[in-house]
Amino acid sequence: MSIKSLFIYTLFLTIGLGSLAHAESQLIEQRLQESAQTEELANRISYAPGHWGRLTV
């Protein structure tokens, strides 16, 4: 294997691993945001019945 081929192989391997690490961090961040949104929605739903009950009484 020539030096040029070894360099190109190493470069592509490094770029590939970097892109995988970046994609993984993006997915983790997306999951955290979705979890926070789900929790916020659940809090709104659990608050709604008591809130509407106070308004109608």
PDB file of N, CA and C in Angstrom:
ATOM      1  N   MET A   1       0.863  -1.171   0.000  1.00  0.00           N
ATOM      2  CA  MET A   1       0.000   0.000   0.000  1.00  0.00           C
ATOM      3  C   MET A   1       0.911   1.236   0.000  1.00  0.00           C
ATOM      4  N   SER A   2       0.633   2.124  -0.901  1.00  0.00           N
ATOM      5  CA  SER A   2       1.468   3.318  -1.006  1.00  0.00           C
ATOM      6  C   SER A   2       1.102   4.328   0.093  1.00  0.00           C
ATOM      7  N   ILE A   3       1.977   5.290   0.283  1.00  0.00           N
ATOM      8  CA  ILE A   3       1.751   6.327   1.293  1.00  0.00           C
ATOM      9  C   ILE A   3       0.494   7.123   0.956  1.00  0.00           C
ATOM     10  N   LYS A   4       0.305   7.423  -0.331  1.00  0.00           N
ATOM     11  CA  LYS A   4      -0.872   8.195  -0.741  1.00  0.00           C
ATOM     12  C   LYS A   4      -2.153   7.428  -0.431  1.00  0.00           C
ATOM     13  N   SER A   5      -2.179   6.152  -0.745  1.00  0.00           N
ATOM     14  CA  SER A   5      -3.361   5.330  -0.461  1.00  0.00           C
ATOM     15  C   SER A   5      -3.613   5.231   1.038  1.00  0.00           C
ATOM     16  N   LEU A   6      -2.558   5.072   1.818  1.00  0.00           N
ATOM     17  CA  LEU A   6      -2.687   4.995   3.266  1.00  0.00           C
ATOM     18  C   LEU A   6      -3.225   6.311   3.826  1.00  0.00           C
ATOM     19  N   PHE A   7      -2.738   7.428   3.303  1.00  0.00           N
ATOM     20  CA  PHE A   7      -3.207   8.731   3.741  1.00  0.00           C
ATOM     21  C   PHE A   7      -4.688   8.913   3.420  1.00  0.00           C
ATOM     22  N   ILE A   8      -5.085   8.572   2.214  1.00  0.00           N
ATOM     23  CA  ILE A   8      -6.488   8.715   1.803  1.00  0.00           C
ATOM     24  C   ILE A   8      -7.384   7.805   2.641  1.00  0.00           C
ATOM     25  N   TYR A   9      -6.943   6.572   2.868  1.00  0.00           N
ATOM     26  CA  TYR A   9      -7.716   5.647   3.686  1.00  0.00           C
ATOM     27  C   TYR A   9      -7.897   6.200   5.103  1.00  0.00           C
ATOM     28  N   THR A  10      -6.814   6.704   5.693  1.00  0.00           N
ATOM     29  CA  THR A  10      -6.864   7.263   7.040  1.00  0.00           C
ATOM     30  C   THR A  10      -7.765   8.491   7.083  1.00  0.00           C
ATOM     31  N   LEU A  11      -7.683   9.335   6.057  1.00  0.00           N
ATOM     32  CA  LEU A  11      -8.520  10.530   5.996  1.00  0.00           C
ATOM     33  C   LEU A  11      -9.999  10.165   5.955  1.00  0.00           C
ATOM     34  N   PHE A  12     -10.366   9.239   5.079  1.00  0.00           N
ATOM     35  CA  PHE A  12     -11.765   8.838   4.980  1.00  0.00           C
ATOM     36  C   PHE A  12     -12.248   8.142   6.248  1.00  0.00           C
ATOM     37  N   LEU A  13     -11.402   7.371   6.865  1.00  0.00           N
ATOM     38  CA  LEU A  13     -11.766   6.706   8.116  1.00  0.00           C
ATOM     39  C   LEU A  13     -12.019   7.742   9.217  1.00  0.00           C
ATOM     40  N   THR A  14     -11.161   8.742   9.296  1.00  0.00           N
ATOM     41  CA  THR A  14     -11.315   9.803  10.291  1.00  0.00           C
ATOM     42  C   THR A  14     -12.590  10.606  10.048  1.00  0.00           C
ATOM     43  N   ILE A  15     -12.837  10.954   8.797  1.00  0.00           N
ATOM     44  CA  ILE A  15     -14.058  11.703   8.468  1.00  0.00           C
ATOM     45  C   ILE A  15     -15.297  10.874   8.776  1.00  0.00           C
ATOM     46  N   GLY A  16     -15.264   9.606   8.455  1.00  0.00           N
ATOM     47  CA  GLY A  16     -16.397   8.717   8.724  1.00  0.00           C
ATOM     48  C   GLY A  16     -16.692   8.597  10.208  1.00  0.00           C
ATOM     49  N   LEU A  17     -15.648   8.418  10.996  1.00  0.00           N
ATOM     50  CA  LEU A  17     -15.845   8.301  12.448  1.00  0.00           C
ATOM     51  C   LEU A  17     -16.328   9.624  13.039  1.00  0.00           C
ATOM     52  N   GLY A  18     -15.812  10.717  12.525  1.00  0.00           N
ATOM     53  CA  GLY A  18     -16.260  12.021  12.999  1.00  0.00           C
ATOM     54  C   GLY A  18     -17.718  12.273  12.687  1.00  0.00           C
ATOM     55  N   SER A  19     -18.136  11.872  11.495  1.00  0.00           N
ATOM     56  CA  SER A  19     -19.539  12.077  11.129  1.00  0.00           C
ATOM     57  C   SER A  19     -20.460  11.190  11.955  1.00  0.00           C
ATOM     58  N   LEU A  20     -20.017   9.998  12.274  1.00  0.00           N
ATOM     59  CA  LEU A  20     -20.820   9.123  13.137  1.00  0.00           C
ATOM     60  C   LEU A  20     -20.955   9.696  14.538  1.00  0.00           C
ATOM     61  N   ALA A  21     -19.874  10.227  15.065  1.00  0.00           N
ATOM     62  CA  ALA A  21     -19.921  10.823  16.397  1.00  0.00           C
ATOM     63  C   ALA A  21     -20.839  12.046  16.400  1.00  0.00           C
ATOM     64  N   HIS A  22     -20.777  12.839  15.355  1.00  0.00           N
ATOM     65  CA  HIS A  22     -21.633  14.025  15.263  1.00  0.00           C
ATOM     66  C   HIS A  22     -23.106  13.616  15.163  1.00  0.00           C
ATOM     67  N   ALA A  23     -23.393  12.623  14.338  1.00  0.00           N
ATOM     68  CA  ALA A  23     -24.779  12.167  14.190  1.00  0.00           C
ATOM     69  C   ALA A  23     -25.309  11.619  15.507  1.00  0.00           C
ATOM     70  N   GLU A  24     -24.472  10.905  16.232  1.00  0.00           N
ATOM     71  CA  GLU A  24     -24.899  10.351  17.515  1.00  0.00           C
ATOM     72  C   GLU A  24     -25.228  11.469  18.500  1.00  0.00           C
ATOM     73  N   SER A  25     -24.383  12.488  18.546  1.00  0.00           N
ATOM     74  CA  SER A  25     -24.655  13.592  19.473  1.00  0.00           C
ATOM     75  C   SER A  25     -25.924  14.346  19.075  1.00  0.00           C
ATOM     76  N   GLN A  26     -26.179  14.469  17.772  1.00  0.00           N
ATOM     77  CA  GLN A  26     -27.400  15.128  17.314  1.00  0.00           C
ATOM     78  C   GLN A  26     -28.636  14.317  17.712  1.00  0.00           C
ATOM     79  N   LEU A  27     -28.554  12.997  17.585  1.00  0.00           N
ATOM     80  CA  LEU A  27     -29.683  12.144  17.965  1.00  0.00           C
ATOM     81  C   LEU A  27     -29.952  12.218  19.462  1.00  0.00           C
ATOM     82  N   ILE A  28     -28.895  12.252  20.258  1.00  0.00           N
ATOM     83  CA  ILE A  28     -29.071  12.361  21.708  1.00  0.00           C
ATOM     84  C   ILE A  28     -29.740  13.679  22.058  1.00  0.00           C
ATOM     85  N   GLU A  29     -29.294  14.762  21.426  1.00  0.00           N
ATOM     86  CA  GLU A  29     -29.891  16.071  21.690  1.00  0.00           C
ATOM     87  C   GLU A  29     -31.355  16.096  21.260  1.00  0.00           C
ATOM     88  N   GLN A  30     -31.658  15.472  20.133  1.00  0.00           N
ATOM     89  CA  GLN A  30     -33.040  15.426  19.646  1.00  0.00           C
ATOM     90  C   GLN A  30     -33.920  14.636  20.614  1.00  0.00           C
ATOM     91  N   ARG A  31     -33.413  13.531  21.116  1.00  0.00           N
ATOM     92  CA  ARG A  31     -34.187  12.728  22.079  1.00  0.00           C
ATOM     93  C   ARG A  31     -34.455  13.511  23.358  1.00  0.00           C
ATOM     94  N   LEU A  32     -33.462  14.275  23.820  1.00  0.00           N
ATOM     95  CA  LEU A  32     -33.660  15.077  25.023  1.00  0.00           C
ATOM     96  C   LEU A  32     -34.724  16.144  24.799  1.00  0.00           C
ATOM     97  N   GLN A  33     -34.710  16.775  23.634  1.00  0.00           N
ATOM     98  CA  GLN A  33     -35.710  17.795  23.327  1.00  0.00           C
ATOM     99  C   GLN A  33     -37.097  17.182  23.229  1.00  0.00           C
ATOM    100  N   GLU A  34     -37.205  16.034  22.585  1.00  0.00           N
ATOM    101  CA  GLU A  34     -38.505  15.362  22.469  1.00  0.00           C
ATOM    102  C   GLU A  34     -39.014  14.944  23.840  1.00  0.00           C
ATOM    103  N   SER A  35     -38.117  14.486  24.693  1.00  0.00           N
ATOM    104  CA  SER A  35     -38.512  14.085  26.039  1.00  0.00           C
ATOM    105  C   SER A  35     -39.020  15.290  26.830  1.00  0.00           C
ATOM    106  N   ALA A  36     -38.337  16.409  26.697  1.00  0.00           N
ATOM    107  CA  ALA A  36     -38.769  17.618  27.403  1.00  0.00           C
ATOM    108  C   ALA A  36     -40.121  18.090  26.875  1.00  0.00           C
ATOM    109  N   GLN A  37     -40.336  17.998  25.568  1.00  0.00           N
ATOM    110  CA  GLN A  37     -41.618  18.407  25.000  1.00  0.00           C
ATOM    111  C   GLN A  37     -42.733  17.484  25.460  1.00  0.00           C
ATOM    112  N   THR A  38     -42.458  16.195  25.518  1.00  0.00           N
ATOM    113  CA  THR A  38     -43.456  15.232  25.975  1.00  0.00           C
ATOM    114  C   THR A  38     -43.815  15.495  27.434  1.00  0.00           C
ATOM    115  N   GLU A  39     -42.800  15.775  28.243  1.00  0.00           N
ATOM    116  CA  GLU A  39     -43.046  16.066  29.661  1.00  0.00           C
ATOM    117  C   GLU A  39     -43.854  17.354  29.818  1.00  0.00           C
ATOM    118  N   GLU A  40     -43.535  18.357  29.018  1.00  0.00           N
ATOM    119  CA  GLU A  40     -44.278  19.614  29.076  1.00  0.00           C
ATOM    120  C   GLU A  40     -45.731  19.405  28.671  1.00  0.00           C
ATOM    121  N   LEU A  41     -45.967  18.614  27.638  1.00  0.00           N
ATOM    122  CA  LEU A  41     -47.331  18.318  27.202  1.00  0.00           C
ATOM    123  C   LEU A  41     -48.085  17.548  28.274  1.00  0.00           C
ATOM    124  N   ALA A  42     -47.417  16.594  28.907  1.00  0.00           N
ATOM    125  CA  ALA A  42     -48.063  15.818  29.971  1.00  0.00           C
ATOM    126  C   ALA A  42     -48.426  16.728  31.142  1.00  0.00           C
ATOM    127  N   ASN A  43     -47.572  17.672  31.442  1.00  0.00           N
ATOM    128  CA  ASN A  43     -47.877  18.608  32.535  1.00  0.00           C
ATOM    129  C   ASN A  43     -49.067  19.487  32.177  1.00  0.00           C
ATOM    130  N   ARG A  44     -49.146  19.918  30.936  1.00  0.00           N
ATOM    131  CA  ARG A  44     -50.286  20.736  30.512  1.00  0.00           C
ATOM    132  C   ARG A  44     -51.583  19.953  30.591  1.00  0.00           C
ATOM    133  N   ILE A  45     -51.540  18.712  30.146  1.00  0.00           N
ATOM    134  CA  ILE A  45     -52.742  17.874  30.149  1.00  0.00           C
ATOM    135  C   ILE A  45     -53.185  17.585  31.579  1.00  0.00           C
ATOM    136  N   SER A  46     -52.231  17.304  32.464  1.00  0.00           N
ATOM    137  CA  SER A  46     -52.602  17.004  33.846  1.00  0.00           C
ATOM    138  C   SER A  46     -53.109  18.251  34.562  1.00  0.00           C
ATOM    139  N   TYR A  47     -52.706  19.427  34.127  1.00  0.00           N
ATOM    140  CA  TYR A  47     -53.149  20.667  34.742  1.00  0.00           C
ATOM    141  C   TYR A  47     -54.525  21.090  34.225  1.00  0.00           C
ATOM    142  N   ALA A  48     -54.844  20.734  33.001  1.00  0.00           N
ATOM    143  CA  ALA A  48     -56.060  21.214  32.345  1.00  0.00           C
ATOM    144  C   ALA A  48     -57.353  20.871  33.086  1.00  0.00           C
ATOM    145  N   PRO A  49     -57.578  19.632  33.514  1.00  0.00           N
ATOM    146  CA  PRO A  49     -58.864  19.340  34.169  1.00  0.00           C
ATOM    147  C   PRO A  49     -59.098  20.190  35.418  1.00  0.00           C
ATOM    148  N   GLY A  50     -58.096  20.375  36.232  1.00  0.00           N
ATOM    149  CA  GLY A  50     -58.249  21.199  37.421  1.00  0.00           C
ATOM    150  C   GLY A  50     -58.456  22.651  37.063  1.00  0.00           C
ATOM    151  N   HIS A  51     -57.791  23.089  36.052  1.00  0.00           N
ATOM    152  CA  HIS A  51     -57.916  24.477  35.612  1.00  0.00           C
ATOM    153  C   HIS A  51     -59.323  24.761  35.095  1.00  0.00           C
ATOM    154  N   TRP A  52     -59.839  23.887  34.248  1.00  0.00           N
ATOM    155  CA  TRP A  52     -61.184  24.112  33.705  1.00  0.00           C
ATOM    156  C   TRP A  52     -62.237  23.971  34.791  1.00  0.00           C
ATOM    157  N   GLY A  53     -61.988  23.101  35.761  1.00  0.00           N
ATOM    158  CA  GLY A  53     -62.939  22.947  36.844  1.00  0.00           C
ATOM    159  C   GLY A  53     -63.078  24.203  37.675  1.00  0.00           C
ATOM    160  N   ARG A  54     -61.973  24.887  37.888  1.00  0.00           N
ATOM    161  CA  ARG A  54     -62.020  26.134  38.658  1.00  0.00           C
ATOM    162  C   ARG A  54     -62.731  27.245  37.902  1.00  0.00           C
ATOM    163  N   LEU A  55     -62.617  27.233  36.566  1.00  0.00           N
ATOM    164  CA  LEU A  55     -63.239  28.275  35.777  1.00  0.00           C
ATOM    165  C   LEU A  55     -64.766  28.117  35.712  1.00  0.00           C
ATOM    166  N   THR A  56     -65.245  26.889  35.757  1.00  0.00           N
ATOM    167  CA  THR A  56     -66.670  26.670  35.590  1.00  0.00           C
ATOM    168  C   THR A  56     -67.445  26.706  36.903  1.00  0.00           C
ATOM    169  N   VAL A  57     -66.751  26.642  38.011  1.00  0.00           N
ATOM    170  CA  VAL A  57     -67.436  26.614  39.302  1.00  0.00           C
ATOM    171  C   VAL A  57     -67.699  28.000  39.814  1.00  0.00           C
TER     172      VAL A  57
END
